[in-house]
Amino acid sequence: MSGKLPAACLDQLFRNARTHNSLIGEVPDALLHELVDLLKLGPTSANCSPARLLFVKSREAKERLKPHLTEGNRDKTMKAPVCTIIGYDLDFYLYLPNLFPHTNARSWFEGDEPKIFDTAFRNGTLQGAYLIMAARALGLDTGPMSGFDNAGVDREFFAGTNIKSNFLCNLGHGDGEKLFARSPRFSFDEMAKII
């Protein structure tokens, strides 16, 4: 490691980065490949890597997604260059012999449904956060959201699999003229303690 990132990097990743409701422009497929190549390097427990990503980009795919979106998320998602469905694979542990080969980690999960769910959901959510940060690092803006029918999305896009949708994240280039003021954040003392 080379130490603290320059202020400009921290600005791009955190201080100036915003959640955008209006995303425009183009997101080339090559950039989505680069995005995945970055986010997959973030840590997950036992390298379990349960996130499964579906980049909804075509008009036809967006029409399939549209009826499952809440009214407040429908228009902005249809206009965004890409909507990512961030899912988690409840069969993640089947891949552990490959991803975590130095021990029999698969046996830690087999037959333990609560542990499988907790691990998949927690680590898949973490990988979704890596997606947001990797997108920002690559010059994209993001619009993560929850307002959709998970069961409907799962039937439409993940039928026949053990993948469940977690949240959505629109990707593109933010329209600064349609950006809301930043909402307040907690102070250190309101959200953290050093003990």
N, C-alpha and C. Protein backbone atom coordinates (compact mmCIF):
# COMPACT_ATOMS: atom_id res chain seq x y z
N MET A 1 0.84 -1.19 0.00
CA MET A 1 0.00 0.00 0.00
C MET A 1 0.88 1.25 0.00
N SER A 2 0.36 2.30 -0.61
CA SER A 2 1.16 3.51 -0.73
C SER A 2 0.68 4.63 0.17
N GLY A 3 -0.20 4.35 1.10
CA GLY A 3 -0.64 5.39 2.02
C GLY A 3 -1.96 6.01 1.61
N LYS A 4 -2.26 7.10 2.26
CA LYS A 4 -3.54 7.79 2.06
C LYS A 4 -3.68 8.27 0.62
N LEU A 5 -4.89 8.09 0.07
CA LEU A 5 -5.16 8.58 -1.28
C LEU A 5 -5.15 10.10 -1.32
N PRO A 6 -4.84 10.68 -2.46
CA PRO A 6 -4.91 12.14 -2.59
C PRO A 6 -6.34 12.63 -2.38
N ALA A 7 -6.46 13.88 -1.97
CA ALA A 7 -7.77 14.47 -1.68
C ALA A 7 -8.71 14.36 -2.87
N ALA A 8 -8.20 14.51 -4.08
CA ALA A 8 -9.06 14.44 -5.27
C ALA A 8 -9.71 13.06 -5.40
N CYS A 9 -8.99 12.02 -5.04
CA CYS A 9 -9.55 10.67 -5.09
C CYS A 9 -10.64 10.50 -4.03
N LEU A 10 -10.38 11.00 -2.83
CA LEU A 10 -11.38 10.92 -1.77
C LEU A 10 -12.61 11.73 -2.12
N ASP A 11 -12.41 12.86 -2.79
CA ASP A 11 -13.54 13.66 -3.26
C ASP A 11 -14.39 12.85 -4.23
N GLN A 12 -13.74 12.21 -5.20
CA GLN A 12 -14.47 11.45 -6.22
C GLN A 12 -15.21 10.27 -5.63
N LEU A 13 -14.60 9.60 -4.67
CA LEU A 13 -15.21 8.40 -4.08
C LEU A 13 -16.26 8.71 -3.02
N PHE A 14 -16.05 9.81 -2.26
CA PHE A 14 -16.91 10.07 -1.11
C PHE A 14 -17.45 11.50 -1.04
N ARG A 15 -16.57 12.48 -0.91
CA ARG A 15 -17.02 13.83 -0.56
C ARG A 15 -17.87 14.50 -1.62
N ASN A 16 -17.52 14.33 -2.88
CA ASN A 16 -18.30 14.94 -3.96
C ASN A 16 -19.25 13.96 -4.63
N ALA A 17 -19.11 12.69 -4.34
CA ALA A 17 -19.97 11.67 -4.94
C ALA A 17 -21.37 11.78 -4.35
N ARG A 18 -22.35 11.57 -5.20
CA ARG A 18 -23.74 11.71 -4.79
C ARG A 18 -24.58 10.58 -5.37
N THR A 19 -25.73 10.35 -4.77
CA THR A 19 -26.71 9.46 -5.34
C THR A 19 -27.51 10.26 -6.36
N HIS A 20 -27.53 9.78 -7.60
CA HIS A 20 -28.19 10.52 -8.68
C HIS A 20 -29.53 9.88 -9.04
N ASN A 21 -30.54 10.73 -9.20
CA ASN A 21 -31.85 10.28 -9.65
C ASN A 21 -32.00 10.43 -11.16
N SER A 22 -31.10 11.17 -11.77
CA SER A 22 -31.15 11.36 -13.22
C SER A 22 -29.78 11.02 -13.79
N LEU A 23 -29.71 9.87 -14.47
CA LEU A 23 -28.46 9.40 -15.07
C LEU A 23 -28.62 9.36 -16.58
N ILE A 24 -27.61 9.87 -17.27
CA ILE A 24 -27.65 9.99 -18.73
C ILE A 24 -26.36 9.44 -19.31
N GLY A 25 -26.22 9.54 -20.62
CA GLY A 25 -24.98 9.15 -21.29
C GLY A 25 -24.97 7.69 -21.67
N GLU A 26 -23.78 7.20 -21.95
CA GLU A 26 -23.59 5.81 -22.36
C GLU A 26 -22.66 5.11 -21.38
N VAL A 27 -22.88 3.83 -21.19
CA VAL A 27 -21.99 2.99 -20.39
C VAL A 27 -21.60 1.81 -21.28
N PRO A 28 -20.41 1.87 -21.88
CA PRO A 28 -19.99 0.79 -22.78
C PRO A 28 -19.85 -0.55 -22.04
N ASP A 29 -20.08 -1.63 -22.76
CA ASP A 29 -19.94 -2.96 -22.17
C ASP A 29 -18.54 -3.18 -21.60
N ALA A 30 -17.53 -2.64 -22.27
CA ALA A 30 -16.15 -2.79 -21.79
C ALA A 30 -15.97 -2.17 -20.41
N LEU A 31 -16.68 -1.07 -20.14
CA LEU A 31 -16.60 -0.43 -18.83
C LEU A 31 -17.28 -1.29 -17.76
N LEU A 32 -18.34 -1.99 -18.13
CA LEU A 32 -19.00 -2.91 -17.18
C LEU A 32 -18.07 -4.08 -16.85
N HIS A 33 -17.32 -4.55 -17.83
CA HIS A 33 -16.33 -5.60 -17.56
C HIS A 33 -15.25 -5.09 -16.60
N GLU A 34 -14.79 -3.87 -16.84
CA GLU A 34 -13.77 -3.27 -15.96
C GLU A 34 -14.32 -3.09 -14.55
N LEU A 35 -15.58 -2.70 -14.46
CA LEU A 35 -16.24 -2.53 -13.17
C LEU A 35 -16.25 -3.84 -12.38
N VAL A 36 -16.65 -4.91 -13.02
CA VAL A 36 -16.69 -6.22 -12.35
C VAL A 36 -15.28 -6.66 -11.96
N ASP A 37 -14.30 -6.41 -12.83
CA ASP A 37 -12.93 -6.80 -12.52
C ASP A 37 -12.39 -6.08 -11.29
N LEU A 38 -12.88 -4.87 -11.03
CA LEU A 38 -12.48 -4.15 -9.82
C LEU A 38 -13.25 -4.63 -8.59
N LEU A 39 -14.56 -4.66 -8.68
CA LEU A 39 -15.35 -4.94 -7.48
C LEU A 39 -15.12 -6.35 -6.95
N LYS A 40 -14.79 -7.29 -7.83
CA LYS A 40 -14.61 -8.68 -7.38
C LYS A 40 -13.37 -8.84 -6.50
N LEU A 41 -12.52 -7.83 -6.47
CA LEU A 41 -11.30 -7.90 -5.65
C LEU A 41 -11.54 -7.52 -4.20
N GLY A 42 -12.70 -6.94 -3.90
CA GLY A 42 -13.03 -6.59 -2.52
C GLY A 42 -13.22 -7.85 -1.68
N PRO A 43 -12.89 -7.78 -0.40
CA PRO A 43 -12.96 -8.98 0.45
C PRO A 43 -14.38 -9.43 0.76
N THR A 44 -14.54 -10.76 0.80
CA THR A 44 -15.74 -11.40 1.31
C THR A 44 -15.29 -12.54 2.21
N SER A 45 -16.13 -12.96 3.13
CA SER A 45 -15.72 -14.01 4.06
C SER A 45 -15.47 -15.31 3.29
N ALA A 46 -14.33 -15.92 3.56
CA ALA A 46 -13.88 -17.15 2.88
C ALA A 46 -13.90 -16.99 1.36
N ASN A 47 -13.73 -15.75 0.90
CA ASN A 47 -13.74 -15.44 -0.54
C ASN A 47 -15.00 -16.00 -1.22
N CYS A 48 -16.12 -15.99 -0.47
CA CYS A 48 -17.33 -16.67 -0.95
C CYS A 48 -17.96 -16.01 -2.17
N SER A 49 -17.79 -14.72 -2.35
CA SER A 49 -18.20 -14.01 -3.57
C SER A 49 -19.61 -14.36 -4.05
N PRO A 50 -20.64 -14.15 -3.22
CA PRO A 50 -21.99 -14.57 -3.60
C PRO A 50 -22.73 -13.62 -4.52
N ALA A 51 -22.22 -12.42 -4.76
CA ALA A 51 -22.94 -11.46 -5.59
C ALA A 51 -23.06 -11.98 -7.01
N ARG A 52 -24.25 -11.77 -7.58
CA ARG A 52 -24.49 -12.05 -8.98
C ARG A 52 -25.11 -10.78 -9.56
N LEU A 53 -24.56 -10.32 -10.65
CA LEU A 53 -24.94 -9.02 -11.22
C LEU A 53 -25.59 -9.21 -12.57
N LEU A 54 -26.69 -8.52 -12.76
CA LEU A 54 -27.36 -8.52 -14.05
C LEU A 54 -27.46 -7.07 -14.49
N PHE A 55 -26.74 -6.73 -15.56
CA PHE A 55 -26.75 -5.36 -16.08
C PHE A 55 -27.88 -5.24 -17.09
N VAL A 56 -28.95 -4.59 -16.69
CA VAL A 56 -30.13 -4.43 -17.53
C VAL A 56 -29.90 -3.18 -18.38
N LYS A 57 -29.66 -3.41 -19.66
CA LYS A 57 -29.21 -2.32 -20.53
C LYS A 57 -30.12 -2.13 -21.75
N SER A 58 -30.59 -3.22 -22.33
CA SER A 58 -31.39 -3.11 -23.55
C SER A 58 -32.79 -2.61 -23.24
N ARG A 59 -33.43 -2.04 -24.21
CA ARG A 59 -34.82 -1.56 -24.06
C ARG A 59 -35.73 -2.71 -23.68
N GLU A 60 -35.53 -3.88 -24.32
CA GLU A 60 -36.37 -5.05 -24.05
C GLU A 60 -36.22 -5.51 -22.59
N ALA A 61 -34.99 -5.56 -22.11
CA ALA A 61 -34.76 -5.99 -20.73
C ALA A 61 -35.34 -4.99 -19.74
N LYS A 62 -35.24 -3.69 -20.04
CA LYS A 62 -35.81 -2.68 -19.16
C LYS A 62 -37.34 -2.79 -19.11
N GLU A 63 -37.96 -3.15 -20.23
CA GLU A 63 -39.41 -3.34 -20.24
C GLU A 63 -39.81 -4.52 -19.36
N ARG A 64 -38.97 -5.53 -19.30
CA ARG A 64 -39.23 -6.66 -18.40
C ARG A 64 -39.11 -6.25 -16.94
N LEU A 65 -38.19 -5.32 -16.66
CA LEU A 65 -37.99 -4.85 -15.29
C LEU A 65 -39.06 -3.86 -14.86
N LYS A 66 -39.53 -3.06 -15.78
CA LYS A 66 -40.43 -1.93 -15.49
C LYS A 66 -41.62 -2.27 -14.58
N PRO A 67 -42.37 -3.35 -14.83
CA PRO A 67 -43.54 -3.59 -13.98
C PRO A 67 -43.21 -3.94 -12.53
N HIS A 68 -41.95 -4.25 -12.25
CA HIS A 68 -41.55 -4.64 -10.91
C HIS A 68 -40.98 -3.47 -10.10
N LEU A 69 -40.90 -2.29 -10.72
CA LEU A 69 -40.38 -1.10 -10.05
C LEU A 69 -41.50 -0.32 -9.39
N THR A 70 -41.22 0.28 -8.23
CA THR A 70 -42.20 1.17 -7.63
C THR A 70 -42.32 2.41 -8.50
N GLU A 71 -43.42 3.10 -8.38
CA GLU A 71 -43.70 4.24 -9.24
C GLU A 71 -42.58 5.28 -9.21
N GLY A 72 -42.03 5.56 -8.03
CA GLY A 72 -40.98 6.57 -7.90
C GLY A 72 -39.66 6.19 -8.55
N ASN A 73 -39.47 4.90 -8.81
CA ASN A 73 -38.21 4.44 -9.42
C ASN A 73 -38.34 4.09 -10.89
N ARG A 74 -39.57 4.08 -11.40
CA ARG A 74 -39.80 3.59 -12.76
C ARG A 74 -39.17 4.48 -13.83
N ASP A 75 -39.51 5.75 -13.82
CA ASP A 75 -39.06 6.65 -14.89
C ASP A 75 -37.54 6.81 -14.90
N LYS A 76 -36.95 7.01 -13.73
CA LYS A 76 -35.50 7.23 -13.70
C LYS A 76 -34.73 5.97 -14.10
N THR A 77 -35.29 4.80 -13.80
CA THR A 77 -34.61 3.56 -14.18
C THR A 77 -34.73 3.32 -15.67
N MET A 78 -35.88 3.62 -16.24
CA MET A 78 -36.05 3.44 -17.69
C MET A 78 -35.15 4.39 -18.48
N LYS A 79 -34.85 5.57 -17.92
CA LYS A 79 -33.99 6.55 -18.60
C LYS A 79 -32.50 6.31 -18.37
N ALA A 80 -32.14 5.61 -17.30
CA ALA A 80 -30.73 5.39 -16.98
C ALA A 80 -30.08 4.50 -18.04
N PRO A 81 -28.81 4.72 -18.34
CA PRO A 81 -28.12 3.87 -19.31
C PRO A 81 -28.12 2.39 -18.92
N VAL A 82 -27.96 2.11 -17.63
CA VAL A 82 -27.90 0.73 -17.13
C VAL A 82 -28.56 0.68 -15.76
N CYS A 83 -29.31 -0.38 -15.51
CA CYS A 83 -29.77 -0.68 -14.15
C CYS A 83 -29.18 -2.03 -13.76
N THR A 84 -28.42 -2.05 -12.69
CA THR A 84 -27.81 -3.28 -12.21
C THR A 84 -28.72 -3.93 -11.19
N ILE A 85 -29.07 -5.19 -11.41
CA ILE A 85 -29.74 -5.97 -10.38
C ILE A 85 -28.63 -6.67 -9.61
N ILE A 86 -28.48 -6.30 -8.35
CA ILE A 86 -27.47 -6.93 -7.49
C ILE A 86 -28.17 -8.05 -6.74
N GLY A 87 -27.77 -9.26 -7.03
CA GLY A 87 -28.35 -10.42 -6.39
C GLY A 87 -27.31 -11.15 -5.56
N TYR A 88 -27.77 -12.17 -4.84
CA TYR A 88 -26.86 -13.02 -4.07
C TYR A 88 -27.27 -14.47 -4.34
N ASP A 89 -26.27 -15.31 -4.50
CA ASP A 89 -26.47 -16.71 -4.86
C ASP A 89 -26.43 -17.57 -3.60
N LEU A 90 -27.57 -18.20 -3.30
CA LEU A 90 -27.63 -19.07 -2.12
C LEU A 90 -26.85 -20.37 -2.34
N ASP A 91 -26.40 -20.61 -3.55
CA ASP A 91 -25.54 -21.77 -3.83
C ASP A 91 -24.06 -21.40 -3.85
N PHE A 92 -23.74 -20.23 -3.30
CA PHE A 92 -22.35 -19.75 -3.34
C PHE A 92 -21.36 -20.77 -2.80
N TYR A 93 -21.76 -21.52 -1.78
CA TYR A 93 -20.83 -22.43 -1.09
C TYR A 93 -20.39 -23.59 -1.99
N LEU A 94 -21.16 -23.86 -3.05
CA LEU A 94 -20.77 -24.92 -3.98
C LEU A 94 -19.49 -24.57 -4.73
N TYR A 95 -19.18 -23.29 -4.80
CA TYR A 95 -17.99 -22.82 -5.53
C TYR A 95 -16.77 -22.65 -4.63
N LEU A 96 -16.93 -22.88 -3.34
CA LEU A 96 -15.81 -22.67 -2.41
C LEU A 96 -14.61 -23.57 -2.66
N PRO A 97 -14.77 -24.81 -3.13
CA PRO A 97 -13.57 -25.59 -3.44
C PRO A 97 -12.66 -24.88 -4.45
N ASN A 98 -13.25 -24.09 -5.33
CA ASN A 98 -12.48 -23.32 -6.30
C ASN A 98 -11.98 -22.00 -5.72
N LEU A 99 -12.86 -21.29 -5.01
CA LEU A 99 -12.55 -19.95 -4.53
C LEU A 99 -11.75 -19.92 -3.23
N PHE A 100 -11.83 -20.99 -2.45
CA PHE A 100 -11.15 -21.06 -1.15
C PHE A 100 -10.55 -22.46 -1.02
N PRO A 101 -9.58 -22.80 -1.90
CA PRO A 101 -9.16 -24.19 -2.08
C PRO A 101 -8.31 -24.79 -0.96
N HIS A 102 -7.82 -23.98 -0.04
CA HIS A 102 -6.88 -24.51 0.94
C HIS A 102 -7.54 -25.21 2.12
N THR A 103 -8.88 -25.22 2.16
CA THR A 103 -9.59 -25.94 3.22
C THR A 103 -10.98 -26.32 2.71
N ASN A 104 -11.65 -27.19 3.40
CA ASN A 104 -12.98 -27.65 3.00
C ASN A 104 -14.05 -26.69 3.53
N ALA A 105 -14.09 -25.48 3.00
CA ALA A 105 -15.04 -24.47 3.47
C ALA A 105 -16.47 -24.79 3.07
N ARG A 106 -16.64 -25.56 2.03
CA ARG A 106 -18.00 -25.95 1.62
C ARG A 106 -18.73 -26.64 2.77
N SER A 107 -18.02 -27.45 3.52
CA SER A 107 -18.63 -28.20 4.63
C SER A 107 -19.11 -27.27 5.76
N TRP A 108 -18.61 -26.05 5.82
CA TRP A 108 -19.04 -25.10 6.83
C TRP A 108 -20.50 -24.70 6.63
N PHE A 109 -20.99 -24.83 5.41
CA PHE A 109 -22.31 -24.31 5.06
C PHE A 109 -23.34 -25.38 4.72
N GLU A 110 -22.91 -26.52 4.21
CA GLU A 110 -23.85 -27.54 3.73
C GLU A 110 -24.85 -27.90 4.82
N GLY A 111 -26.14 -27.80 4.47
CA GLY A 111 -27.21 -28.17 5.39
C GLY A 111 -27.57 -27.11 6.42
N ASP A 112 -26.88 -25.99 6.44
CA ASP A 112 -27.14 -24.93 7.42
C ASP A 112 -27.77 -23.73 6.71
N GLU A 113 -29.08 -23.82 6.46
CA GLU A 113 -29.78 -22.79 5.67
C GLU A 113 -29.66 -21.38 6.26
N PRO A 114 -29.82 -21.19 7.59
CA PRO A 114 -29.66 -19.83 8.12
C PRO A 114 -28.26 -19.26 7.88
N LYS A 115 -27.25 -20.09 8.05
CA LYS A 115 -25.87 -19.63 7.82
C LYS A 115 -25.64 -19.31 6.34
N ILE A 116 -26.20 -20.14 5.47
CA ILE A 116 -26.08 -19.89 4.03
C ILE A 116 -26.71 -18.54 3.69
N PHE A 117 -27.95 -18.31 4.17
CA PHE A 117 -28.62 -17.05 3.87
C PHE A 117 -27.84 -15.86 4.42
N ASP A 118 -27.48 -15.93 5.71
CA ASP A 118 -26.78 -14.80 6.33
C ASP A 118 -25.49 -14.47 5.58
N THR A 119 -24.72 -15.49 5.24
CA THR A 119 -23.44 -15.27 4.55
C THR A 119 -23.66 -14.72 3.14
N ALA A 120 -24.62 -15.29 2.42
CA ALA A 120 -24.88 -14.82 1.06
C ALA A 120 -25.39 -13.39 1.06
N PHE A 121 -26.35 -13.10 1.94
CA PHE A 121 -26.93 -11.76 1.96
C PHE A 121 -25.92 -10.72 2.42
N ARG A 122 -25.20 -11.01 3.50
CA ARG A 122 -24.23 -10.05 4.03
C ARG A 122 -23.13 -9.76 3.03
N ASN A 123 -22.53 -10.80 2.49
CA ASN A 123 -21.40 -10.61 1.59
C ASN A 123 -21.84 -10.13 0.21
N GLY A 124 -23.03 -10.53 -0.23
CA GLY A 124 -23.56 -10.01 -1.48
C GLY A 124 -23.85 -8.52 -1.38
N THR A 125 -24.36 -8.08 -0.22
CA THR A 125 -24.59 -6.65 0.00
C THR A 125 -23.27 -5.90 0.00
N LEU A 126 -22.27 -6.47 0.65
CA LEU A 126 -20.94 -5.87 0.66
C LEU A 126 -20.41 -5.72 -0.76
N GLN A 127 -20.60 -6.73 -1.57
CA GLN A 127 -20.13 -6.63 -2.95
C GLN A 127 -20.92 -5.59 -3.74
N GLY A 128 -22.19 -5.40 -3.39
CA GLY A 128 -22.96 -4.33 -4.00
C GLY A 128 -22.39 -2.96 -3.67
N ALA A 129 -21.90 -2.81 -2.44
CA ALA A 129 -21.25 -1.55 -2.05
C ALA A 129 -19.93 -1.38 -2.81
N TYR A 130 -19.21 -2.48 -3.02
CA TYR A 130 -18.00 -2.40 -3.83
C TYR A 130 -18.33 -1.94 -5.25
N LEU A 131 -19.47 -2.40 -5.77
CA LEU A 131 -19.88 -1.97 -7.10
C LEU A 131 -20.03 -0.46 -7.15
N ILE A 132 -20.67 0.11 -6.15
CA ILE A 132 -20.87 1.56 -6.11
C ILE A 132 -19.52 2.29 -6.09
N MET A 133 -18.62 1.84 -5.25
CA MET A 133 -17.32 2.50 -5.13
C MET A 133 -16.47 2.30 -6.39
N ALA A 134 -16.52 1.11 -6.97
CA ALA A 134 -15.77 0.86 -8.20
C ALA A 134 -16.32 1.72 -9.34
N ALA A 135 -17.65 1.84 -9.41
CA ALA A 135 -18.26 2.68 -10.44
C ALA A 135 -17.79 4.12 -10.29
N ARG A 136 -17.80 4.63 -9.08
CA ARG A 136 -17.32 6.00 -8.85
C ARG A 136 -15.85 6.14 -9.24
N ALA A 137 -15.05 5.14 -8.91
CA ALA A 137 -13.62 5.18 -9.24
C ALA A 137 -13.40 5.21 -10.75
N LEU A 138 -14.33 4.62 -11.51
CA LEU A 138 -14.21 4.57 -12.96
C LEU A 138 -14.89 5.73 -13.66
N GLY A 139 -15.38 6.69 -12.86
CA GLY A 139 -15.97 7.89 -13.45
C GLY A 139 -17.46 7.82 -13.70
N LEU A 140 -18.11 6.79 -13.18
CA LEU A 140 -19.57 6.68 -13.31
C LEU A 140 -20.25 7.24 -12.07
N ASP A 141 -21.50 7.63 -12.23
CA ASP A 141 -22.34 7.99 -11.10
C ASP A 141 -23.33 6.86 -10.87
N THR A 142 -23.87 6.81 -9.66
CA THR A 142 -24.74 5.69 -9.30
C THR A 142 -26.04 6.19 -8.67
N GLY A 143 -27.04 5.33 -8.77
CA GLY A 143 -28.32 5.58 -8.14
C GLY A 143 -28.85 4.31 -7.51
N PRO A 144 -28.30 3.91 -6.35
CA PRO A 144 -28.78 2.69 -5.70
C PRO A 144 -30.19 2.89 -5.14
N MET A 145 -30.97 1.80 -5.12
CA MET A 145 -32.35 1.91 -4.64
C MET A 145 -32.90 0.55 -4.26
N SER A 146 -33.94 0.62 -3.43
CA SER A 146 -34.61 -0.58 -2.96
C SER A 146 -36.02 -0.74 -3.50
N GLY A 147 -36.64 0.30 -3.99
CA GLY A 147 -38.06 0.28 -4.32
C GLY A 147 -38.42 -0.58 -5.52
N PHE A 148 -38.58 -1.87 -5.29
CA PHE A 148 -39.00 -2.79 -6.35
C PHE A 148 -39.53 -4.06 -5.72
N ASP A 149 -40.21 -4.85 -6.51
CA ASP A 149 -40.78 -6.12 -6.06
C ASP A 149 -39.73 -7.21 -6.24
N ASN A 150 -39.10 -7.59 -5.14
CA ASN A 150 -38.03 -8.59 -5.20
C ASN A 150 -38.52 -9.91 -5.79
N ALA A 151 -39.68 -10.37 -5.32
CA ALA A 151 -40.19 -11.66 -5.80
C ALA A 151 -40.46 -11.61 -7.30
N GLY A 152 -41.00 -10.50 -7.77
CA GLY A 152 -41.26 -10.35 -9.20
C GLY A 152 -39.98 -10.33 -10.02
N VAL A 153 -38.99 -9.61 -9.53
CA VAL A 153 -37.69 -9.56 -10.22
C VAL A 153 -37.05 -10.95 -10.23
N ASP A 154 -37.16 -11.66 -9.13
CA ASP A 154 -36.57 -13.00 -9.06
C ASP A 154 -37.25 -13.94 -10.06
N ARG A 155 -38.58 -13.86 -10.17
CA ARG A 155 -39.30 -14.70 -11.14
C ARG A 155 -38.91 -14.33 -12.58
N GLU A 156 -38.78 -13.04 -12.83
CA GLU A 156 -38.52 -12.57 -14.19
C GLU A 156 -37.09 -12.82 -14.65
N PHE A 157 -36.13 -12.64 -13.74
CA PHE A 157 -34.73 -12.67 -14.16
C PHE A 157 -33.91 -13.83 -13.59
N PHE A 158 -34.35 -14.43 -12.50
CA PHE A 158 -33.54 -15.48 -11.86
C PHE A 158 -34.28 -16.81 -11.74
N ALA A 159 -35.33 -17.01 -12.53
CA ALA A 159 -36.08 -18.26 -12.47
C ALA A 159 -35.15 -19.44 -12.74
N GLY A 160 -35.36 -20.52 -12.00
CA GLY A 160 -34.56 -21.72 -12.19
C GLY A 160 -33.19 -21.67 -11.55
N THR A 161 -32.92 -20.60 -10.77
CA THR A 161 -31.65 -20.48 -10.06
C THR A 161 -31.92 -20.33 -8.57
N ASN A 162 -30.88 -20.30 -7.80
CA ASN A 162 -30.99 -20.04 -6.37
C ASN A 162 -30.47 -18.63 -6.06
N ILE A 163 -30.62 -17.73 -7.04
CA ILE A 163 -30.19 -16.34 -6.90
C ILE A 163 -31.40 -15.50 -6.50
N LYS A 164 -31.20 -14.62 -5.53
CA LYS A 164 -32.24 -13.71 -5.04
C LYS A 164 -31.77 -12.28 -5.24
N SER A 165 -32.70 -11.40 -5.63
CA SER A 165 -32.34 -9.99 -5.79
C SER A 165 -32.21 -9.32 -4.44
N ASN A 166 -31.28 -8.38 -4.35
CA ASN A 166 -31.02 -7.64 -3.12
C ASN A 166 -31.42 -6.18 -3.30
N PHE A 167 -30.70 -5.47 -4.17
CA PHE A 167 -31.07 -4.09 -4.48
C PHE A 167 -30.68 -3.77 -5.91
N LEU A 168 -31.10 -2.61 -6.36
CA LEU A 168 -30.83 -2.16 -7.72
C LEU A 168 -29.88 -0.97 -7.67
N CYS A 169 -29.13 -0.77 -8.74
CA CYS A 169 -28.26 0.40 -8.82
C CYS A 169 -28.17 0.87 -10.26
N ASN A 170 -28.75 2.04 -10.53
CA ASN A 170 -28.62 2.63 -11.85
C ASN A 170 -27.21 3.17 -12.02
N LEU A 171 -26.71 3.07 -13.25
CA LEU A 171 -25.36 3.52 -13.59
C LEU A 171 -25.42 4.46 -14.79
N GLY A 172 -24.57 5.45 -14.78
CA GLY A 172 -24.47 6.39 -15.90
C GLY A 172 -23.70 7.62 -15.48
N HIS A 173 -24.03 8.73 -16.08
CA HIS A 173 -23.40 10.01 -15.76
C HIS A 173 -24.47 10.93 -15.23
N GLY A 174 -24.27 11.42 -14.02
CA GLY A 174 -25.28 12.21 -13.34
C GLY A 174 -25.56 13.54 -14.01
N ASP A 175 -26.83 13.89 -14.04
CA ASP A 175 -27.27 15.20 -14.52
C ASP A 175 -27.27 16.13 -13.31
N GLY A 176 -26.22 16.93 -13.18
CA GLY A 176 -26.04 17.80 -12.02
C GLY A 176 -27.15 18.80 -11.81
N GLU A 177 -27.86 19.17 -12.88
CA GLU A 177 -28.94 20.14 -12.75
C GLU A 177 -30.16 19.55 -12.04
N LYS A 178 -30.23 18.22 -11.96
CA LYS A 178 -31.38 17.57 -11.32
C LYS A 178 -30.99 16.95 -9.98
N LEU A 179 -29.86 17.36 -9.45
CA LEU A 179 -29.36 16.79 -8.20
C LEU A 179 -29.98 17.50 -7.00
N PHE A 180 -30.46 16.73 -6.03
CA PHE A 180 -30.99 17.30 -4.80
C PHE A 180 -29.84 17.74 -3.89
N ALA A 181 -30.13 18.63 -2.96
CA ALA A 181 -29.12 19.01 -1.95
C ALA A 181 -28.76 17.77 -1.15
N ARG A 182 -27.51 17.72 -0.70
CA ARG A 182 -27.07 16.56 0.10
C ARG A 182 -27.84 16.52 1.41
N SER A 183 -28.33 15.36 1.76
CA SER A 183 -29.03 15.18 3.04
C SER A 183 -28.03 15.19 4.19
N PRO A 184 -28.49 15.53 5.40
CA PRO A 184 -27.58 15.57 6.55
C PRO A 184 -26.97 14.21 6.85
N ARG A 185 -25.85 14.23 7.52
CA ARG A 185 -25.19 13.02 8.00
C ARG A 185 -24.95 13.17 9.49
N PHE A 186 -24.81 12.03 10.19
CA PHE A 186 -24.49 12.05 11.61
C PHE A 186 -23.09 12.61 11.85
N SER A 187 -22.87 13.20 12.99
CA SER A 187 -21.52 13.55 13.43
C SER A 187 -20.84 12.29 13.94
N PHE A 188 -19.54 12.36 14.12
CA PHE A 188 -18.80 11.22 14.67
C PHE A 188 -19.44 10.72 15.96
N ASP A 189 -19.71 11.62 16.89
CA ASP A 189 -20.23 11.23 18.20
C ASP A 189 -21.62 10.64 18.13
N GLU A 190 -22.38 10.97 17.11
CA GLU A 190 -23.72 10.42 16.97
C GLU A 190 -23.73 8.99 16.42
N MET A 191 -22.64 8.61 15.75
CA MET A 191 -22.65 7.29 15.12
C MET A 191 -21.47 6.40 15.50
N ALA A 192 -20.53 6.93 16.26
CA ALA A 192 -19.32 6.14 16.55
C ALA A 192 -18.80 6.41 17.96
N LYS A 193 -18.09 5.42 18.48
CA LYS A 193 -17.38 5.56 19.76
C LYS A 193 -16.02 4.88 19.60
N ILE A 194 -15.08 5.36 20.32
CA ILE A 194 -13.78 4.70 20.42
C ILE A 194 -13.67 4.19 21.85
N ILE A 195 -13.52 2.90 22.03
CA ILE A 195 -13.47 2.34 23.40
C ILE A 195 -12.17 1.60 23.64
